[in-house]
C-alpha atoms as a PDB file:
ATOM      1  CA  MET A   1      10.425  -2.208   3.148  1.00  0.00           C
ATOM      2  CA  HIS A   2       8.773  -5.406   4.362  1.00  0.00           C
ATOM      3  CA  PHE A   3       7.940  -6.233   7.966  1.00  0.00           C
ATOM      4  CA  LYS A   4       6.193  -9.281   9.341  1.00  0.00           C
ATOM      5  CA  ILE A   5       2.898  -9.086  11.190  1.00  0.00           C
ATOM      6  CA  LYS A   6       1.577 -11.953  13.266  1.00  0.00           C
ATOM      7  CA  ILE A   7      -2.093 -12.742  12.610  1.00  0.00           C
ATOM      8  CA  PHE A   8      -4.534 -14.315  15.070  1.00  0.00           C
ATOM      9  CA  LEU A   9      -7.657 -15.688  13.362  1.00  0.00           C
ATOM     10  CA  SER A  10     -11.138 -15.692  14.797  1.00  0.00           C
ATOM     11  CA  SER A  11     -11.408 -19.496  14.688  1.00  0.00           C
ATOM     12  CA  ALA A  12      -9.329 -19.577  17.852  1.00  0.00           C
ATOM     13  CA  LEU A  13     -11.273 -16.746  19.410  1.00  0.00           C
ATOM     14  CA  ALA A  14     -14.956 -17.428  18.891  1.00  0.00           C
ATOM     15  CA  LEU A  15     -16.236 -15.068  21.536  1.00  0.00           C
ATOM     16  CA  SER A  16     -19.716 -13.698  22.006  1.00  0.00           C
ATOM     17  CA  LEU A  17     -20.940 -10.161  22.456  1.00  0.00           C
ATOM     18  CA  VAL A  18     -20.878  -8.754  25.950  1.00  0.00           C
ATOM     19  CA  ALA A  19     -20.425  -5.028  25.531  1.00  0.00           C
ATOM     20  CA  CYS A  20     -22.710  -4.181  22.644  1.00  0.00           C
ATOM     21  CA  GLY A  21     -25.917  -2.676  23.962  1.00  0.00           C
ATOM     22  CA  SER A  22     -28.297   0.215  23.828  1.00  0.00           C
ATOM     23  CA  ASP A  23     -28.767   3.027  26.329  1.00  0.00           C
ATOM     24  CA  GLU A  24     -31.077   5.959  26.381  1.00  0.00           C
ATOM     25  CA  GLY A  25     -29.703   9.234  27.674  1.00  0.00           C
ATOM     26  CA  GLU A  26     -31.458  10.667  30.721  1.00  0.00           C
ATOM     27  CA  ASP A  27     -31.477  14.214  29.409  1.00  0.00           C
ATOM     28  CA  PRO A  28     -32.013  15.670  25.945  1.00  0.00           C
ATOM     29  CA  THR A  29     -28.691  15.904  24.133  1.00  0.00           C
ATOM     30  CA  THR A  30     -29.698  17.876  21.090  1.00  0.00           C
ATOM     31  CA  SER A  31     -29.854  21.599  20.460  1.00  0.00           C
ATOM     32  CA  ASP A  32     -30.997  23.688  17.580  1.00  0.00           C
ATOM     33  CA  PRO A  33     -27.943  24.689  15.545  1.00  0.00           C
ATOM     34  CA  THR A  34     -26.889  28.314  15.534  1.00  0.00           C
ATOM     35  CA  GLU A  35     -24.574  30.130  13.160  1.00  0.00           C
ATOM     36  CA  THR A  36     -22.059  32.863  13.928  1.00  0.00           C
ATOM     37  CA  GLU A  37     -19.923  34.367  11.159  1.00  0.00           C
ATOM     38  CA  GLY A  38     -20.464  31.299   8.985  1.00  0.00           C
ATOM     39  CA  VAL A  39     -19.597  28.746  11.700  1.00  0.00           C
ATOM     40  CA  VAL A  40     -22.450  26.455  12.750  1.00  0.00           C
ATOM     41  CA  SER A  41     -22.646  25.479  16.446  1.00  0.00           C
ATOM     42  CA  ALA A  42     -24.677  22.526  17.700  1.00  0.00           C
ATOM     43  CA  THR A  43     -24.695  19.602  20.138  1.00  0.00           C
ATOM     44  CA  LEU A  44     -24.326  15.983  19.108  1.00  0.00           C
ATOM     45  CA  ASP A  45     -27.443  13.872  19.677  1.00  0.00           C
ATOM     46  CA  PHE A  46     -26.131  11.123  21.956  1.00  0.00           C
ATOM     47  CA  THR A  47     -29.296   9.112  22.567  1.00  0.00           C
ATOM     48  CA  GLY A  48     -29.869   5.520  21.460  1.00  0.00           C
ATOM     49  CA  VAL A  49     -26.212   4.567  21.951  1.00  0.00           C
ATOM     50  CA  GLN A  50     -24.665   1.243  20.942  1.00  0.00           C
ATOM     51  CA  THR A  51     -21.359   0.345  22.559  1.00  0.00           C
ATOM     52  CA  TYR A  52     -18.504  -1.957  21.568  1.00  0.00           C
ATOM     53  CA  GLY A  53     -15.288  -3.211  23.106  1.00  0.00           C
ATOM     54  CA  GLN A  54     -15.594  -6.832  24.152  1.00  0.00           C
ATOM     55  CA  ALA A  55     -13.547  -7.954  21.147  1.00  0.00           C
ATOM     56  CA  LEU A  56     -10.765  -5.656  22.289  1.00  0.00           C
ATOM     57  CA  SER A  57     -10.860  -7.078  25.814  1.00  0.00           C
ATOM     58  CA  ASP A  58     -10.773 -10.557  24.302  1.00  0.00           C
ATOM     59  CA  GLN A  59      -7.638  -9.621  22.357  1.00  0.00           C
ATOM     60  CA  ILE A  60      -5.893  -8.690  25.601  1.00  0.00           C
ATOM     61  CA  ALA A  61      -7.109 -11.922  27.224  1.00  0.00           C
ATOM     62  CA  ALA A  62      -5.586 -13.865  24.314  1.00  0.00           C
ATOM     63  CA  GLY A  63      -2.151 -12.835  25.555  1.00  0.00           C
ATOM     64  CA  ASP A  64      -1.596  -9.479  23.902  1.00  0.00           C
ATOM     65  CA  GLY A  65      -1.362  -7.574  27.173  1.00  0.00           C
ATOM     66  CA  ALA A  66       1.859  -9.299  28.314  1.00  0.00           C
ATOM     67  CA  GLY A  67       0.400  -9.306  31.835  1.00  0.00           C
ATOM     68  CA  ILE A  68       1.307  -5.645  32.364  1.00  0.00           C
ATOM     69  CA  ASP A  69      -1.468  -3.505  30.913  1.00  0.00           C
ATOM     70  CA  ASN A  70      -4.746  -5.370  30.642  1.00  0.00           C
ATOM     71  CA  VAL A  71      -6.774  -2.760  28.768  1.00  0.00           C
ATOM     72  CA  PHE A  72      -6.893  -2.372  24.979  1.00  0.00           C
ATOM     73  CA  ARG A  73      -6.860   1.415  24.709  1.00  0.00           C
ATOM     74  CA  ASN A  74      -8.496   1.984  21.373  1.00  0.00           C
ATOM     75  CA  SER A  75      -7.342   5.190  19.731  1.00  0.00           C
ATOM     76  CA  GLY A  76      -8.707   4.914  16.200  1.00  0.00           C
ATOM     77  CA  VAL A  77     -11.517   3.415  14.162  1.00  0.00           C
ATOM     78  CA  VAL A  78     -12.455   2.738  10.546  1.00  0.00           C
ATOM     79  CA  ILE A  79     -15.582   0.903   9.420  1.00  0.00           C
ATOM     80  CA  ASP A  80     -15.649  -1.872   6.810  1.00  0.00           C
ATOM     81  CA  ALA A  81     -19.200  -1.641   5.456  1.00  0.00           C
ATOM     82  CA  VAL A  82     -18.817  -4.732   3.242  1.00  0.00           C
ATOM     83  CA  ASP A  83     -17.839  -7.000   6.151  1.00  0.00           C
ATOM     84  CA  ASN A  84     -19.981  -5.120   8.707  1.00  0.00           C
ATOM     85  CA  ALA A  85     -16.881  -4.749  10.839  1.00  0.00           C
ATOM     86  CA  TYR A  86     -14.759  -2.181  12.607  1.00  0.00           C
ATOM     87  CA  TYR A  87     -10.982  -1.883  12.878  1.00  0.00           C
ATOM     88  CA  ALA A  88      -9.473  -0.609  16.123  1.00  0.00           C
ATOM     89  CA  VAL A  89      -5.872   0.269  16.980  1.00  0.00           C
ATOM     90  CA  ASN A  90      -4.255  -0.093  20.387  1.00  0.00           C
ATOM     91  CA  GLY A  91      -2.540   3.194  21.180  1.00  0.00           C
ATOM     92  CA  VAL A  92      -1.540   2.814  24.805  1.00  0.00           C
ATOM     93  CA  HIS A  93      -0.778   5.533  27.320  1.00  0.00           C
ATOM     94  CA  PRO A  94       1.806   4.476  29.924  1.00  0.00           C
ATOM     95  CA  VAL A  95       0.573   2.852  33.123  1.00  0.00           C
ATOM     96  CA  GLN A  96       4.112   2.984  34.483  1.00  0.00           C
ATOM     97  CA  ASN A  97       5.472   6.516  34.607  1.00  0.00           C
ATOM     98  CA  GLY A  98       7.996   7.186  31.857  1.00  0.00           C
ATOM     99  CA  ASP A  99       7.638   3.735  30.253  1.00  0.00           C
ATOM    100  CA  TYR A 100       6.273   4.465  26.782  1.00  0.00           C
ATOM    101  CA  THR A 101       7.168   1.380  24.790  1.00  0.00           C
ATOM    102  CA  SER A 102       8.292  -1.757  26.577  1.00  0.00           C
ATOM    103  CA  TYR A 103       4.933  -3.394  27.193  1.00  0.00           C
ATOM    104  CA  TYR A 104       2.676  -2.017  24.480  1.00  0.00           C
ATOM    105  CA  PRO A 105       0.185  -4.534  23.089  1.00  0.00           C
ATOM    106  CA  LYS A 106       0.879  -3.350  19.554  1.00  0.00           C
ATOM    107  CA  SER A 107      -2.122  -4.648  17.673  1.00  0.00           C
ATOM    108  CA  ILE A 108      -4.909  -3.820  15.266  1.00  0.00           C
ATOM    109  CA  VAL A 109      -8.153  -5.744  15.687  1.00  0.00           C
ATOM    110  CA  LYS A 110     -10.915  -6.311  13.146  1.00  0.00           C
ATOM    111  CA  ALA A 111     -14.192  -7.056  14.934  1.00  0.00           C
ATOM    112  CA  SER A 112     -17.801  -7.704  14.014  1.00  0.00           C
ATOM    113  CA  LEU A 113     -20.337  -4.907  14.348  1.00  0.00           C
ATOM    114  CA  SER A 114     -23.031  -7.564  14.769  1.00  0.00           C
ATOM    115  CA  ASP A 115     -21.723  -9.441  17.811  1.00  0.00           C
ATOM    116  CA  ASP A 116     -18.434  -7.697  18.688  1.00  0.00           C
ATOM    117  CA  SER A 117     -16.349 -10.833  18.188  1.00  0.00           C
ATOM    118  CA  ILE A 118     -12.807 -10.847  16.837  1.00  0.00           C
ATOM    119  CA  ILE A 119     -12.525 -11.511  13.109  1.00  0.00           C
ATOM    120  CA  GLU A 120      -8.750 -10.984  12.827  1.00  0.00           C
ATOM    121  CA  ALA A 121      -5.992  -9.435  14.901  1.00  0.00           C
ATOM    122  CA  TYR A 122      -2.761  -8.076  13.466  1.00  0.00           C
ATOM    123  CA  THR A 123       0.132  -7.698  15.894  1.00  0.00           C
ATOM    124  CA  PHE A 124       3.289  -5.847  14.936  1.00  0.00           C
ATOM    125  CA  SER A 125       6.378  -7.859  15.906  1.00  0.00           C
ATOM    126  CA  THR A 126       9.293  -5.663  14.710  1.00  0.00           C
ATOM    127  CA  LEU A 127       9.463  -2.459  12.700  1.00  0.00           C
ATOM    128  CA  ASN A 128      12.909  -1.391  11.559  1.00  0.00           C
ATOM    129  CA  GLY A 129      14.248  -1.222  15.104  1.00  0.00           C
ATOM    130  CA  HIS A 130      12.369   1.916  16.147  1.00  0.00           C
ATOM    131  CA  ASP A 131       9.648   2.204  18.784  1.00  0.00           C
ATOM    132  CA  ILE A 132       6.026   2.233  17.754  1.00  0.00           C
ATOM    133  CA  ASP A 133       2.842   3.560  19.324  1.00  0.00           C
ATOM    134  CA  MET A 134       0.004   3.170  16.848  1.00  0.00           C
ATOM    135  CA  GLU A 135      -2.634   5.871  17.160  1.00  0.00           C
ATOM    136  CA  ALA A 136      -4.582   6.361  13.940  1.00  0.00           C
ATOM    137  CA  LEU A 137      -6.176   4.391  11.106  1.00  0.00           C
ATOM    138  CA  SER A 138      -7.346   5.284   7.614  1.00  0.00           C
ATOM    139  CA  PHE A 139      -8.632   3.584   4.502  1.00  0.00           C
ATOM    140  CA  VAL A 140      -7.783   4.834   1.008  1.00  0.00           C
ATOM    141  CA  SER A 141     -10.424   4.259  -1.646  1.00  0.00           C
ATOM    142  CA  SER A 142      -7.881   3.505  -4.372  1.00  0.00           C
ATOM    143  CA  GLN A 143      -6.009   1.009  -2.149  1.00  0.00           C
ATOM    144  CA  PRO A 144      -8.775  -1.366  -0.959  1.00  0.00           C
ATOM    145  CA  ASP A 145      -6.350  -4.103   0.125  1.00  0.00           C
ATOM    146  CA  ASN A 146      -4.450  -1.887   2.553  1.00  0.00           C
ATOM    147  CA  LEU A 147      -4.923  -0.087   5.844  1.00  0.00           C
ATOM    148  CA  TYR A 148      -2.846   2.984   6.729  1.00  0.00           C
ATOM    149  CA  VAL A 149      -1.612   3.405  10.284  1.00  0.00           C
ATOM    150  CA  GLY A 150      -0.088   6.453  11.981  1.00  0.00           C
ATOM    151  CA  ASP A 151       1.995   6.283  15.151  1.00  0.00           C
ATOM    152  CA  GLU A 152       3.211   8.793  17.706  1.00  0.00           C
ATOM    153  CA  TYR A 153       6.799   8.400  16.544  1.00  0.00           C
ATOM    154  CA  ASN A 154       5.615  10.090  13.341  1.00  0.00           C
ATOM    155  CA  TYR A 155       5.647   7.166  10.948  1.00  0.00           C
ATOM    156  CA  VAL A 156       2.823   6.142   8.633  1.00  0.00           C
ATOM    157  CA  TYR A 157       2.629   2.452   7.726  1.00  0.00           C
ATOM    158  CA  GLU A 158       0.891   0.667   4.876  1.00  0.00           C
ATOM    159  CA  LEU A 159      -0.497  -2.635   6.197  1.00  0.00           C
ATOM    160  CA  ASN A 160      -1.562  -5.215   3.616  1.00  0.00           C
ATOM    161  CA  LEU A 161      -4.633  -6.847   5.123  1.00  0.00           C
ATOM    162  CA  ALA A 162      -4.348 -10.092   3.202  1.00  0.00           C
ATOM    163  CA  SER A 163      -0.712 -10.894   3.968  1.00  0.00           C
ATOM    164  CA  GLY A 164      -0.368  -9.180   7.335  1.00  0.00           C
ATOM    165  CA  ASN A 165       2.797  -7.435   6.138  1.00  0.00           C
ATOM    166  CA  VAL A 166       3.710  -3.789   6.425  1.00  0.00           C
ATOM    167  CA  THR A 167       4.727  -3.100   2.855  1.00  0.00           C
ATOM    168  CA  ARG A 168       5.740   0.577   3.046  1.00  0.00           C
ATOM    169  CA  GLU A 169       6.413   3.278   5.604  1.00  0.00           C
ATOM    170  CA  TRP A 170       6.784   7.040   5.530  1.00  0.00           C
ATOM    171  CA  ASP A 171       8.680   9.145   8.086  1.00  0.00           C
ATOM    172  CA  LEU A 172       7.251  12.602   8.796  1.00  0.00           C
ATOM    173  CA  ALA A 173      10.739  13.735   9.790  1.00  0.00           C
ATOM    174  CA  ASP A 174      11.347  13.895   6.034  1.00  0.00           C
ATOM    175  CA  ILE A 175       8.947  16.867   5.879  1.00  0.00           C
ATOM    176  CA  GLY A 176      10.272  18.552   9.013  1.00  0.00           C
ATOM    177  CA  VAL A 177       7.877  17.178  11.635  1.00  0.00           C
ATOM    178  CA  SER A 178       9.625  16.870  15.004  1.00  0.00           C
ATOM    179  CA  THR A 179       7.768  16.355  18.299  1.00  0.00           C
ATOM    180  CA  GLY A 180       8.285  15.406  21.907  1.00  0.00           C
ATOM    181  CA  THR A 181       8.009  11.795  23.055  1.00  0.00           C
ATOM    182  CA  ASP A 182       4.450  10.479  22.849  1.00  0.00           C
ATOM    183  CA  ARG A 183       3.246  13.735  21.257  1.00  0.00           C
ATOM    184  CA  GLY A 184       3.384  12.992  17.533  1.00  0.00           C
ATOM    185  CA  ILE A 185       0.656  11.629  15.237  1.00  0.00           C
ATOM    186  CA  GLU A 186      -2.654  11.296  17.075  1.00  0.00           C
ATOM    187  CA  ALA A 187      -5.069  11.266  14.142  1.00  0.00           C
ATOM    188  CA  MET A 188      -5.070  10.640  10.405  1.00  0.00           C
ATOM    189  CA  THR A 189      -7.456  10.418   7.466  1.00  0.00           C
ATOM    190  CA  TYR A 190      -7.283  10.306   3.686  1.00  0.00           C
ATOM    191  CA  ALA A 191      -9.454  12.627   1.594  1.00  0.00           C
ATOM    192  CA  ALA A 192     -10.339  11.248  -1.825  1.00  0.00           C
ATOM    193  CA  SER A 193     -11.434  14.735  -2.866  1.00  0.00           C
ATOM    194  CA  THR A 194      -7.836  16.018  -2.684  1.00  0.00           C
ATOM    195  CA  GLY A 195      -5.746  12.837  -2.775  1.00  0.00           C
ATOM    196  CA  TYR A 196      -3.943  13.892   0.410  1.00  0.00           C
ATOM    197  CA  PHE A 197      -3.591  12.613   3.961  1.00  0.00           C
ATOM    198  CA  TYR A 198      -4.649  14.884   6.823  1.00  0.00           C
ATOM    199  CA  ILE A 199      -2.445  14.106   9.831  1.00  0.00           C
ATOM    200  CA  GLY A 200      -3.161  15.452  13.319  1.00  0.00           C
ATOM    201  CA  ILE A 201      -0.069  16.320  15.368  1.00  0.00           C
ATOM    202  CA  GLN A 202      -0.540  16.527  19.134  1.00  0.00           C
ATOM    203  CA  ASP A 203       2.565  18.591  19.965  1.00  0.00           C
ATOM    204  CA  SER A 204       1.848  21.403  17.502  1.00  0.00           C
ATOM    205  CA  GLY A 205      -1.946  21.323  17.745  1.00  0.00           C
ATOM    206  CA  SER A 206      -2.157  21.287  13.974  1.00  0.00           C
ATOM    207  CA  ILE A 207      -3.145  19.246  10.942  1.00  0.00           C
ATOM    208  CA  VAL A 208      -0.435  18.511   8.395  1.00  0.00           C
ATOM    209  CA  VAL A 209      -1.632  17.917   4.829  1.00  0.00           C
ATOM    210  CA  ALA A 210       0.679  15.502   3.015  1.00  0.00           C
ATOM    211  CA  ASP A 211       0.994  13.588  -0.245  1.00  0.00           C
ATOM    212  CA  LEU A 212       2.277  10.062   0.441  1.00  0.00           C
ATOM    213  CA  SER A 213       2.933   9.094  -3.185  1.00  0.00           C
ATOM    214  CA  LEU A 214       0.784   5.968  -2.931  1.00  0.00           C
ATOM    215  CA  ASP A 215       1.390   5.084  -6.566  1.00  0.00           C
ATOM    216  CA  ASP A 216       5.171   5.127  -6.350  1.00  0.00           C
ATOM    217  CA  GLY A 217       7.639   4.405  -3.556  1.00  0.00           C
ATOM    218  CA  GLU A 218       7.856   6.051  -0.150  1.00  0.00           C
ATOM    219  CA  THR A 219       8.154   9.738  -1.001  1.00  0.00           C
ATOM    220  CA  ILE A 220       6.280  12.168   1.247  1.00  0.00           C
ATOM    221  CA  THR A 221       5.547  15.798   0.352  1.00  0.00           C
ATOM    222  CA  LYS A 222       4.114  18.428   2.664  1.00  0.00           C
ATOM    223  CA  ILE A 223       1.266  20.320   1.021  1.00  0.00           C
ATOM    224  CA  SER A 224       0.170  22.624   3.834  1.00  0.00           C
ATOM    225  CA  GLU A 225      -0.559  22.848   7.563  1.00  0.00           C
ATOM    226  CA  PHE A 226      -3.242  24.562   9.614  1.00  0.00           C
ATOM    227  CA  SER A 227      -3.751  25.111  13.346  1.00  0.00           C
ATOM    228  CA  VAL A 228      -6.760  23.848  15.286  1.00  0.00           C
ATOM    229  CA  PRO A 229      -8.285  24.992  18.620  1.00  0.00           C
ATOM    230  CA  SER A 230      -7.316  21.823  20.517  1.00  0.00           C
ATOM    231  CA  PRO A 231      -4.895  18.992  19.665  1.00  0.00           C
ATOM    232  CA  PRO A 232      -6.629  16.572  17.258  1.00  0.00           C
ATOM    233  CA  SER A 233      -7.329  13.068  18.542  1.00  0.00           C
ATOM    234  CA  GLY A 234      -9.329  11.762  15.581  1.00  0.00           C
ATOM    235  CA  LEU A 235      -9.915  12.767  11.952  1.00  0.00           C
ATOM    236  CA  TYR A 236     -12.418  11.663   9.321  1.00  0.00           C
ATOM    237  CA  ALA A 237     -12.576  12.808   5.689  1.00  0.00           C
ATOM    238  CA  HIS A 238     -16.245  12.878   4.713  1.00  0.00           C
ATOM    239  CA  SER A 239     -17.386  12.088   1.185  1.00  0.00           C
ATOM    240  CA  ASP A 240     -18.874  15.602   1.018  1.00  0.00           C
ATOM    241  CA  GLY A 241     -15.329  17.001   0.862  1.00  0.00           C
ATOM    242  CA  THR A 242     -15.003  18.175   4.470  1.00  0.00           C
ATOM    243  CA  ILE A 243     -12.867  16.998   7.398  1.00  0.00           C
ATOM    244  CA  TYR A 244     -14.250  16.160  10.840  1.00  0.00           C
ATOM    245  CA  MET A 245     -11.927  16.341  13.852  1.00  0.00           C
ATOM    246  CA  VAL A 246     -12.591  15.116  17.392  1.00  0.00           C
ATOM    247  CA  THR A 247     -10.653  16.376  20.426  1.00  0.00           C
ATOM    248  CA  VAL A 248     -10.084  14.901  23.883  1.00  0.00           C
ATOM    249  CA  GLY A 249     -11.085  18.155  25.568  1.00  0.00           C
ATOM    250  CA  GLY A 250      -9.735  21.616  26.255  1.00  0.00           C
ATOM    251  CA  ALA A 251     -11.190  25.012  27.017  1.00  0.00           C
ATOM    252  CA  ASN A 252     -14.296  24.250  24.954  1.00  0.00           C
ATOM    253  CA  GLY A 253     -14.796  20.727  26.311  1.00  0.00           C
ATOM    254  CA  GLN A 254     -15.029  17.593  24.190  1.00  0.00           C
ATOM    255  CA  MET A 255     -15.696  18.776  20.652  1.00  0.00           C
ATOM    256  CA  ILE A 256     -16.049  17.733  17.034  1.00  0.00           C
ATOM    257  CA  TYR A 257     -14.970  20.357  14.492  1.00  0.00           C
ATOM    258  CA  ARG A 258     -15.765  20.369  10.797  1.00  0.00           C
ATOM    259  CA  TYR A 259     -13.285  21.943   8.350  1.00  0.00           C
ATOM    260  CA  SER A 260     -12.933  22.486   4.670  1.00  0.00           C
ATOM    261  CA  THR A 261      -9.960  20.663   3.177  1.00  0.00           C
ATOM    262  CA  GLU A 262      -8.201  24.054   3.104  1.00  0.00           C
ATOM    263  CA  GLY A 263      -8.564  24.440   6.879  1.00  0.00           C
ATOM    264  CA  GLU A 264     -11.563  26.767   7.117  1.00  0.00           C
ATOM    265  CA  LEU A 265     -13.652  26.107  10.239  1.00  0.00           C
ATOM    266  CA  LEU A 266     -17.266  25.368   9.279  1.00  0.00           C
ATOM    267  CA  CYS A 267     -18.892  23.834  12.346  1.00  0.00           C
ATOM    268  CA  GLU A 268     -18.375  23.328  16.079  1.00  0.00           C
ATOM    269  CA  LEU A 269     -20.175  20.306  17.492  1.00  0.00           C
ATOM    270  CA  GLU A 270     -20.241  19.710  21.246  1.00  0.00           C
ATOM    271  CA  ILE A 271     -20.152  16.185  22.675  1.00  0.00           C
ATOM    272  CA  PRO A 272     -22.574  16.456  25.622  1.00  0.00           C
ATOM    273  CA  ASP A 273     -21.439  15.684  29.171  1.00  0.00           C
ATOM    274  CA  SER A 274     -24.250  13.132  29.338  1.00  0.00           C
ATOM    275  CA  ALA A 275     -22.298  11.003  26.850  1.00  0.00           C
ATOM    276  CA  GLY A 276     -19.948  10.152  29.735  1.00  0.00           C
ATOM    277  CA  MET A 277     -16.880   9.928  27.520  1.00  0.00           C
ATOM    278  CA  THR A 278     -13.439  10.078  29.135  1.00  0.00           C
ATOM    279  CA  ARG A 279     -11.084  10.623  26.186  1.00  0.00           C
ATOM    280  CA  PRO A 280     -12.623  10.846  22.688  1.00  0.00           C
ATOM    281  CA  ASP A 281      -9.861   9.466  20.484  1.00  0.00           C
ATOM    282  CA  GLY A 282     -11.193   8.548  17.038  1.00  0.00           C
ATOM    283  CA  ILE A 283     -14.094   9.311  14.715  1.00  0.00           C
ATOM    284  CA  PHE A 284     -15.796   7.771  11.686  1.00  0.00           C
ATOM    285  CA  ILE A 285     -19.084   8.476   9.877  1.00  0.00           C
ATOM    286  CA  ASP A 286     -20.491   5.547   7.924  1.00  0.00           C
ATOM    287  CA  GLU A 287     -20.896   5.529   4.142  1.00  0.00           C
ATOM    288  CA  GLY A 288     -24.664   5.889   4.368  1.00  0.00           C
ATOM    289  CA  ASN A 289     -24.239   9.040   6.475  1.00  0.00           C
ATOM    290  CA  ASN A 290     -26.434   7.412   9.111  1.00  0.00           C
ATOM    291  CA  MET A 291     -24.145   6.638  12.046  1.00  0.00           C
ATOM    292  CA  ILE A 292     -21.191   8.267  13.748  1.00  0.00           C
ATOM    293  CA  TYR A 293     -18.620   6.189  15.636  1.00  0.00           C
ATOM    294  CA  ILE A 294     -16.550   7.770  18.409  1.00  0.00           C
ATOM    295  CA  VAL A 295     -13.676   6.039  20.201  1.00  0.00           C
ATOM    296  CA  ASP A 296     -13.055   6.473  23.932  1.00  0.00           C
ATOM    297  CA  SER A 297      -9.469   5.363  24.529  1.00  0.00           C
ATOM    298  CA  GLN A 298      -9.782   5.410  28.322  1.00  0.00           C
ATOM    299  CA  GLY A 299     -13.447   4.523  28.654  1.00  0.00           C
ATOM    300  CA  PRO A 300     -12.831   0.963  29.950  1.00  0.00           C
ATOM    301  CA  LEU A 301     -10.601   2.346  32.717  1.00  0.00           C
ATOM    302  CA  PHE A 302     -13.566   4.237  34.158  1.00  0.00           C
ATOM    303  CA  GLY A 303     -16.471   1.864  33.618  1.00  0.00           C
ATOM    304  CA  GLY A 304     -17.164   2.981  30.056  1.00  0.00           C
ATOM    305  CA  HIS A 305     -16.649   1.490  26.615  1.00  0.00           C
ATOM    306  CA  SER A 306     -14.086   1.567  23.813  1.00  0.00           C
ATOM    307  CA  LEU A 307     -16.401   2.509  20.961  1.00  0.00           C
ATOM    308  CA  TYR A 308     -19.740   4.310  20.775  1.00  0.00           C
ATOM    309  CA  ARG A 309     -22.176   4.412  17.849  1.00  0.00           C
ATOM    310  CA  VAL A 310     -25.018   6.917  17.657  1.00  0.00           C
ATOM    311  CA  ALA A 311     -27.318   8.153  14.922  1.00  0.00           C
ATOM    312  CA  TRP A 312     -25.746  10.841  12.738  1.00  0.00           C
ATOM    313  CA  THR A 313     -28.390  13.543  12.320  1.00  0.00           C
ATOM    314  CA  GLN A 314     -26.079  15.851  10.325  1.00  0.00           C
ATOM    315  CA  PRO A 315     -26.148  18.584  12.994  1.00  0.00           C
ATOM    316  CA  CYS A 316     -23.602  20.634  11.042  1.00  0.00           C
ATOM    317  CA  GLY A 317     -25.934  20.819   8.050  1.00  0.00           C
ATOM    318  CA  ASP A 318     -25.706  19.245   4.612  1.00  0.00           C
END
């Protein structure tokens, strides 16, 4: 299936950095890790923060907000180390009660990590007649020309970055996934160690492991599924063969969990209150294992930022 994407290039949007800075936390945000029954517990070091989001505001100002919702509510992130850039996806929560789709600024933005300016913006125009609410992004090492996008209506799209076309799509209904409105895919990552996608489902509070047949067609096969303590809002498959999951909150607060690819809990990592995050909604650890990026989808609504970068001190261990 082929769908057109409209591309806005950075030549028309040469905008300078406003929201990339550095802050020092007022209180210590680290703790010595402890271990109980094989599960490590620690607190994320949230000092020396860099923040991003001006490029996303600029995308709205360029006309993507349709004059209805003027905040780009980032709900996913992947890092392009070669281009020193980040990709963000606009997964909007309704500002008008019950209106889930009519005014969504449905876009993916590629922005510079150096000055937070727009490099490219991809805006979905039509997609097979069904609604779309993009929520999650993932790269696949064997598919360097594509970006994979999950939405809350339980579709996964393959976006070709060169052409701006969606070249394939997979429907999770084909493997029995059925959810309430606006409660489908919230997170997604691809693990090279297994060759499978790990897809976080809000409604079920679980992670579905699926084979998307990337080498042939649009077949999807369910491999397994495991429950998690709080609905996943971001997933990242680490090169060490584990899966990191961030949550928006819950009984344990804002947390990052580390799992084996089979679903065994290995580490619980608390995001400290001093971080001031409203809704953690995406996670990525860079290839050098030096920095962790955490999305805050509602940060700009409350005086915060869309994307935070802090040093990754490997608090869960090697």
